[in-house]
Amino acid sequence: MTSSVSSRRDARRNHERLLREARQLFAERGIDAPLDELAARAGVGAGTVYRHFPNRDALVREIYDSAVAELHDFAPEILGAETGWRSVELYVERLGAWVADSPYLPAVMRRVAELDPTHRPGADFEPLVDGLVARAQAEGALRADVTAVDLGILVDMLGSLGQYGGEYLPFWRRQLTIVLDGLRARPGTTPMPVPGQAFAAFHDMSHAKGPRPAPR
C-alpha cells in the first residue's frame, strides 16, 4: 500500500469519525457547541477539524446533506412494500424512529435554511409521499382526507419523543400504534376541521428559524 493511499484512507476515517462525533455532540449540546470539543472527542487536533470542515457552517451543511441521503436510503423499502398501507406504516415508523434518534436535526435544518434558503432537497420527496398516500387511499386502507403533509407532521410528532432521551425510546411504539390506528380508513371517523397545508409551505415551515405567528 502506498503512503498516498494510506493517507486518503486515514482522511476518510477521520472525516467519518468527525461526522459521527459531531452528531453526538450536537445532540447533547446544540449545533453551536465548541469545535475544540469535537476535536477532543474524535481524538484529532483542531487543525484536522478545519481541514475537513473549514467552518461550522460547512459541517452543519454536510450533516444536513447526509441526513437527506439517509432519507433516500429509506425509499426502496418504503415504496416497495407489498401494499400501500404497509408503505404508510413503514414511512411513519422508520422516519419517526430516525428523527427521535437524531435530536439535532431540527436545529440543523433551521441553520441550513438560514445559510441557503434556495437549498430545498426535501422537496424531491413530495411526489414520492403523494404516491404512497394515493396508493393506500385507493386500497381503501388510509382515510381519504389524509395528505402527505399530515404524515410529515406525524413523523415530527413521533420524532419529538427523542427529547426524553434513550430512556423513553423503548416505549415510543405505544404512540406509533395510536397514530397508525388514527390513520386507518373506517366508518365514523371525525372529519378534518380544515384543509391540509400545502407541501411547499410545510417544507419552508419545518426549515424556518423559529415559530411563525399565526395568521390574523
Foldseek 3Di string as FASTA:
>chain_A
DDPVVVVVVVLVVLLVLLLVLQQVCCLVPNLPPDVCVSCVVSVHHSVSVCVNPVDSLSSLVVNLVVVLVVVVVQQCVLLVDPALLSSLLSLLVVLLVVLLVRVRVLVSLQSVCVVPVVPQPVVVCQVVLQVSQVRCVVVQFFAPQDGSVNSVVSSVVSSVVSVVPPVCVVPSVVVSVVVSVLGTHDPPRDDDPDHDDDPVVSSCCSSHNDDDDDDD
